[in-house]
Amino acid sequence: MRPGYDWDLFCAVVDNYGDIGITWRLARQLASEHRLRVRLWVDDLAAFRCLRPEIDP
């Protein structure tokens, strides 16, 4: 991990699970391909739970 490269991504789930799906994939890609530390902020954890069942909203 490169020091000094922390990113915060914010996701507002508007009308479907595509919002969180795209943001989640972007966060994973930034972390894996660019070795960034990424923190994902989501306004609807229940929607995120459909993608990651281990999430406890």
PDB file of N, CA and C in Angstrom:
ATOM      1  N   MET A   1       0.835  -1.173   0.000  1.00  0.00           N
ATOM      2  CA  MET A   1       0.000   0.000   0.000  1.00  0.00           C
ATOM      3  C   MET A   1       0.885   1.244   0.000  1.00  0.00           C
ATOM      4  N   ARG A   2       0.546   2.225  -0.810  1.00  0.00           N
ATOM      5  CA  ARG A   2       1.336   3.438  -0.889  1.00  0.00           C
ATOM      6  C   ARG A   2       0.925   4.377   0.235  1.00  0.00           C
ATOM      7  N   PRO A   3       1.898   4.851   1.002  1.00  0.00           N
ATOM      8  CA  PRO A   3       1.553   5.743   2.108  1.00  0.00           C
ATOM      9  C   PRO A   3       1.031   7.080   1.584  1.00  0.00           C
ATOM     10  N   GLY A   4       0.035   7.638   2.291  1.00  0.00           N
ATOM     11  CA  GLY A   4      -0.474   8.941   1.938  1.00  0.00           C
ATOM     12  C   GLY A   4      -1.562   8.940   0.882  1.00  0.00           C
ATOM     13  N   TYR A   5      -1.997   7.776   0.449  1.00  0.00           N
ATOM     14  CA  TYR A   5      -3.028   7.704  -0.571  1.00  0.00           C
ATOM     15  C   TYR A   5      -4.272   7.017  -0.012  1.00  0.00           C
ATOM     16  N   ASP A   6      -5.032   7.757   0.746  1.00  0.00           N
ATOM     17  CA  ASP A   6      -6.296   7.261   1.289  1.00  0.00           C
ATOM     18  C   ASP A   6      -7.428   7.953   0.540  1.00  0.00           C
ATOM     19  N   TRP A   7      -8.382   7.191   0.076  1.00  0.00           N
ATOM     20  CA  TRP A   7      -9.520   7.737  -0.656  1.00  0.00           C
ATOM     21  C   TRP A   7     -10.796   7.435   0.098  1.00  0.00           C
ATOM     22  N   ASP A   8     -11.716   8.388   0.099  1.00  0.00           N
ATOM     23  CA  ASP A   8     -13.064   8.195   0.605  1.00  0.00           C
ATOM     24  C   ASP A   8     -14.018   8.277  -0.575  1.00  0.00           C
ATOM     25  N   LEU A   9     -14.832   7.242  -0.758  1.00  0.00           N
ATOM     26  CA  LEU A   9     -15.860   7.241  -1.792  1.00  0.00           C
ATOM     27  C   LEU A   9     -17.211   7.297  -1.098  1.00  0.00           C
ATOM     28  N   PHE A  10     -18.090   8.151  -1.596  1.00  0.00           N
ATOM     29  CA  PHE A  10     -19.418   8.315  -1.018  1.00  0.00           C
ATOM     30  C   PHE A  10     -20.453   7.840  -2.019  1.00  0.00           C
ATOM     31  N   CYS A  11     -21.399   7.041  -1.546  1.00  0.00           N
ATOM     32  CA  CYS A  11     -22.438   6.518  -2.418  1.00  0.00           C
ATOM     33  C   CYS A  11     -23.809   6.837  -1.844  1.00  0.00           C
ATOM     34  N   ALA A  12     -24.612   7.511  -2.652  1.00  0.00           N
ATOM     35  CA  ALA A  12     -26.010   7.740  -2.310  1.00  0.00           C
ATOM     36  C   ALA A  12     -26.835   6.798  -3.179  1.00  0.00           C
ATOM     37  N   VAL A  13     -27.493   5.839  -2.544  1.00  0.00           N
ATOM     38  CA  VAL A  13     -28.317   4.892  -3.284  1.00  0.00           C
ATOM     39  C   VAL A  13     -29.613   5.613  -3.644  1.00  0.00           C
ATOM     40  N   VAL A  14     -29.835   5.789  -4.953  1.00  0.00           N
ATOM     41  CA  VAL A  14     -30.958   6.599  -5.413  1.00  0.00           C
ATOM     42  C   VAL A  14     -32.161   5.745  -5.781  1.00  0.00           C
ATOM     43  N   ASP A  15     -31.989   4.838  -6.730  1.00  0.00           N
ATOM     44  CA  ASP A  15     -33.178   4.137  -7.207  1.00  0.00           C
ATOM     45  C   ASP A  15     -32.994   2.634  -7.389  1.00  0.00           C
ATOM     46  N   ASN A  16     -31.786   2.135  -7.295  1.00  0.00           N
ATOM     47  CA  ASN A  16     -31.595   0.687  -7.447  1.00  0.00           C
ATOM     48  C   ASN A  16     -30.254   0.284  -6.866  1.00  0.00           C
ATOM     49  N   TYR A  17     -29.924  -0.971  -7.007  1.00  0.00           N
ATOM     50  CA  TYR A  17     -28.668  -1.468  -6.454  1.00  0.00           C
ATOM     51  C   TYR A  17     -27.485  -1.198  -7.371  1.00  0.00           C
ATOM     52  N   GLY A  18     -27.719  -0.646  -8.554  1.00  0.00           N
ATOM     53  CA  GLY A  18     -26.626  -0.313  -9.454  1.00  0.00           C
ATOM     54  C   GLY A  18     -25.723   0.751  -8.879  1.00  0.00           C
ATOM     55  N   ASP A  19     -26.287   1.678  -8.132  1.00  0.00           N
ATOM     56  CA  ASP A  19     -25.491   2.752  -7.526  1.00  0.00           C
ATOM     57  C   ASP A  19     -24.413   2.167  -6.616  1.00  0.00           C
ATOM     58  N   ILE A  20     -24.820   1.322  -5.703  1.00  0.00           N
ATOM     59  CA  ILE A  20     -23.868   0.723  -4.773  1.00  0.00           C
ATOM     60  C   ILE A  20     -22.975  -0.295  -5.472  1.00  0.00           C
ATOM     61  N   GLY A  21     -23.501  -0.982  -6.470  1.00  0.00           N
ATOM     62  CA  GLY A  21     -22.693  -1.965  -7.192  1.00  0.00           C
ATOM     63  C   GLY A  21     -21.524  -1.325  -7.917  1.00  0.00           C
ATOM     64  N   ILE A  22     -21.773  -0.225  -8.596  1.00  0.00           N
ATOM     65  CA  ILE A  22     -20.706   0.473  -9.318  1.00  0.00           C
ATOM     66  C   ILE A  22     -19.685   1.037  -8.334  1.00  0.00           C
ATOM     67  N   THR A  23     -20.169   1.637  -7.263  1.00  0.00           N
ATOM     68  CA  THR A  23     -19.255   2.228  -6.282  1.00  0.00           C
ATOM     69  C   THR A  23     -18.412   1.162  -5.597  1.00  0.00           C
ATOM     70  N   TRP A  24     -19.020   0.031  -5.277  1.00  0.00           N
ATOM     71  CA  TRP A  24     -18.299  -1.074  -4.634  1.00  0.00           C
ATOM     72  C   TRP A  24     -17.209  -1.622  -5.566  1.00  0.00           C
ATOM     73  N   ARG A  25     -17.550  -1.812  -6.843  1.00  0.00           N
ATOM     74  CA  ARG A  25     -16.552  -2.302  -7.796  1.00  0.00           C
ATOM     75  C   ARG A  25     -15.421  -1.292  -7.986  1.00  0.00           C
ATOM     76  N   LEU A  26     -15.746   0.004  -8.023  1.00  0.00           N
ATOM     77  CA  LEU A  26     -14.715   1.032  -8.147  1.00  0.00           C
ATOM     78  C   LEU A  26     -13.782   1.009  -6.942  1.00  0.00           C
ATOM     79  N   ALA A  27     -14.334   0.893  -5.755  1.00  0.00           N
ATOM     80  CA  ALA A  27     -13.519   0.846  -4.538  1.00  0.00           C
ATOM     81  C   ALA A  27     -12.576  -0.356  -4.559  1.00  0.00           C
ATOM     82  N   ARG A  28     -13.110  -1.514  -4.942  1.00  0.00           N
ATOM     83  CA  ARG A  28     -12.257  -2.716  -5.013  1.00  0.00           C
ATOM     84  C   ARG A  28     -11.164  -2.571  -6.065  1.00  0.00           C
ATOM     85  N   GLN A  29     -11.505  -1.989  -7.215  1.00  0.00           N
ATOM     86  CA  GLN A  29     -10.535  -1.823  -8.283  1.00  0.00           C
ATOM     87  C   GLN A  29      -9.427  -0.849  -7.877  1.00  0.00           C
ATOM     88  N   LEU A  30      -9.785   0.256  -7.260  1.00  0.00           N
ATOM     89  CA  LEU A  30      -8.773   1.212  -6.801  1.00  0.00           C
ATOM     90  C   LEU A  30      -7.840   0.567  -5.784  1.00  0.00           C
ATOM     91  N   ALA A  31      -8.400  -0.232  -4.903  1.00  0.00           N
ATOM     92  CA  ALA A  31      -7.594  -0.892  -3.874  1.00  0.00           C
ATOM     93  C   ALA A  31      -6.674  -1.947  -4.480  1.00  0.00           C
ATOM     94  N   SER A  32      -7.186  -2.747  -5.398  1.00  0.00           N
ATOM     95  CA  SER A  32      -6.377  -3.849  -5.908  1.00  0.00           C
ATOM     96  C   SER A  32      -5.412  -3.420  -7.010  1.00  0.00           C
ATOM     97  N   GLU A  33      -5.862  -2.619  -7.954  1.00  0.00           N
ATOM     98  CA  GLU A  33      -4.997  -2.258  -9.087  1.00  0.00           C
ATOM     99  C   GLU A  33      -4.051  -1.104  -8.779  1.00  0.00           C
ATOM    100  N   HIS A  34      -4.503  -0.168  -7.954  1.00  0.00           N
ATOM    101  CA  HIS A  34      -3.690   1.024  -7.701  1.00  0.00           C
ATOM    102  C   HIS A  34      -3.136   1.076  -6.279  1.00  0.00           C
ATOM    103  N   ARG A  35      -3.434   0.022  -5.528  1.00  0.00           N
ATOM    104  CA  ARG A  35      -2.913  -0.114  -4.166  1.00  0.00           C
ATOM    105  C   ARG A  35      -3.232   1.088  -3.294  1.00  0.00           C
ATOM    106  N   LEU A  36      -4.464   1.576  -3.406  1.00  0.00           N
ATOM    107  CA  LEU A  36      -4.928   2.676  -2.578  1.00  0.00           C
ATOM    108  C   LEU A  36      -5.724   2.127  -1.407  1.00  0.00           C
ATOM    109  N   ARG A  37      -5.716   2.851  -0.317  1.00  0.00           N
ATOM    110  CA  ARG A  37      -6.585   2.486   0.806  1.00  0.00           C
ATOM    111  C   ARG A  37      -7.888   3.245   0.598  1.00  0.00           C
ATOM    112  N   VAL A  38      -8.990   2.515   0.450  1.00  0.00           N
ATOM    113  CA  VAL A  38     -10.275   3.110   0.095  1.00  0.00           C
ATOM    114  C   VAL A  38     -11.289   2.848   1.205  1.00  0.00           C
ATOM    115  N   ARG A  39     -11.984   3.901   1.584  1.00  0.00           N
ATOM    116  CA  ARG A  39     -13.063   3.805   2.566  1.00  0.00           C
ATOM    117  C   ARG A  39     -14.348   4.135   1.819  1.00  0.00           C
ATOM    118  N   LEU A  40     -15.327   3.239   1.884  1.00  0.00           N
ATOM    119  CA  LEU A  40     -16.587   3.408   1.171  1.00  0.00           C
ATOM    120  C   LEU A  40     -17.682   3.815   2.149  1.00  0.00           C
ATOM    121  N   TRP A  41     -18.297   4.967   1.897  1.00  0.00           N
ATOM    122  CA  TRP A  41     -19.388   5.483   2.715  1.00  0.00           C
ATOM    123  C   TRP A  41     -20.683   5.267   1.945  1.00  0.00           C
ATOM    124  N   VAL A  42     -21.648   4.621   2.572  1.00  0.00           N
ATOM    125  CA  VAL A  42     -22.911   4.283   1.909  1.00  0.00           C
ATOM    126  C   VAL A  42     -24.069   4.792   2.766  1.00  0.00           C
ATOM    127  N   ASP A  43     -25.057   5.421   2.123  1.00  0.00           N
ATOM    128  CA  ASP A  43     -26.187   5.953   2.882  1.00  0.00           C
ATOM    129  C   ASP A  43     -27.312   4.938   3.078  1.00  0.00           C
ATOM    130  N   ASP A  44     -27.187   3.755   2.486  1.00  0.00           N
ATOM    131  CA  ASP A  44     -28.225   2.728   2.616  1.00  0.00           C
ATOM    132  C   ASP A  44     -27.551   1.361   2.747  1.00  0.00           C
ATOM    133  N   LEU A  45     -27.218   1.000   3.986  1.00  0.00           N
ATOM    134  CA  LEU A  45     -26.524  -0.269   4.201  1.00  0.00           C
ATOM    135  C   LEU A  45     -27.388  -1.474   3.877  1.00  0.00           C
ATOM    136  N   ALA A  46     -28.691  -1.332   3.968  1.00  0.00           N
ATOM    137  CA  ALA A  46     -29.578  -2.449   3.619  1.00  0.00           C
ATOM    138  C   ALA A  46     -29.432  -2.804   2.141  1.00  0.00           C
ATOM    139  N   ALA A  47     -29.273  -1.799   1.282  1.00  0.00           N
ATOM    140  CA  ALA A  47     -29.056  -2.057  -0.142  1.00  0.00           C
ATOM    141  C   ALA A  47     -27.700  -2.725  -0.362  1.00  0.00           C
ATOM    142  N   PHE A  48     -26.709  -2.301   0.385  1.00  0.00           N
ATOM    143  CA  PHE A  48     -25.371  -2.878   0.259  1.00  0.00           C
ATOM    144  C   PHE A  48     -25.374  -4.343   0.698  1.00  0.00           C
ATOM    145  N   ARG A  49     -26.246  -4.676   1.611  1.00  0.00           N
ATOM    146  CA  ARG A  49     -26.314  -6.048   2.124  1.00  0.00           C
ATOM    147  C   ARG A  49     -26.692  -7.051   1.033  1.00  0.00           C
ATOM    148  N   CYS A  50     -27.401  -6.598   0.003  1.00  0.00           N
ATOM    149  CA  CYS A  50     -27.736  -7.489  -1.112  1.00  0.00           C
ATOM    150  C   CYS A  50     -26.481  -7.960  -1.842  1.00  0.00           C
ATOM    151  N   LEU A  51     -25.452  -7.141  -1.840  1.00  0.00           N
ATOM    152  CA  LEU A  51     -24.183  -7.509  -2.484  1.00  0.00           C
ATOM    153  C   LEU A  51     -23.244  -8.214  -1.525  1.00  0.00           C
ATOM    154  N   ARG A  52     -23.261  -7.790  -0.278  1.00  0.00           N
ATOM    155  CA  ARG A  52     -22.374  -8.350   0.742  1.00  0.00           C
ATOM    156  C   ARG A  52     -23.215  -8.793   1.933  1.00  0.00           C
ATOM    157  N   PRO A  53     -23.723 -10.030   1.915  1.00  0.00           N
ATOM    158  CA  PRO A  53     -24.635 -10.493   2.979  1.00  0.00           C
ATOM    159  C   PRO A  53     -24.062 -10.427   4.401  1.00  0.00           C
ATOM    160  N   GLU A  54     -22.749 -10.393   4.529  1.00  0.00           N
ATOM    161  CA  GLU A  54     -22.168 -10.355   5.871  1.00  0.00           C
ATOM    162  C   GLU A  54     -22.291  -8.977   6.523  1.00  0.00           C
ATOM    163  N   ILE A  55     -22.710  -7.955   5.758  1.00  0.00           N
ATOM    164  CA  ILE A  55     -22.907  -6.621   6.290  1.00  0.00           C
ATOM    165  C   ILE A  55     -24.079  -6.638   7.270  1.00  0.00           C
ATOM    166  N   ASP A  56     -23.903  -6.025   8.424  1.00  0.00           N
ATOM    167  CA  ASP A  56     -24.964  -5.941   9.424  1.00  0.00           C
ATOM    168  C   ASP A  56     -25.398  -4.486   9.542  1.00  0.00           C
ATOM    169  N   PRO A  57     -26.468  -4.113   8.805  1.00  0.00           N
ATOM    170  CA  PRO A  57     -26.889  -2.698   8.841  1.00  0.00           C
ATOM    171  C   PRO A  57     -27.420  -2.298  10.198  1.00  0.00           C
TER     172      PRO A  57
END
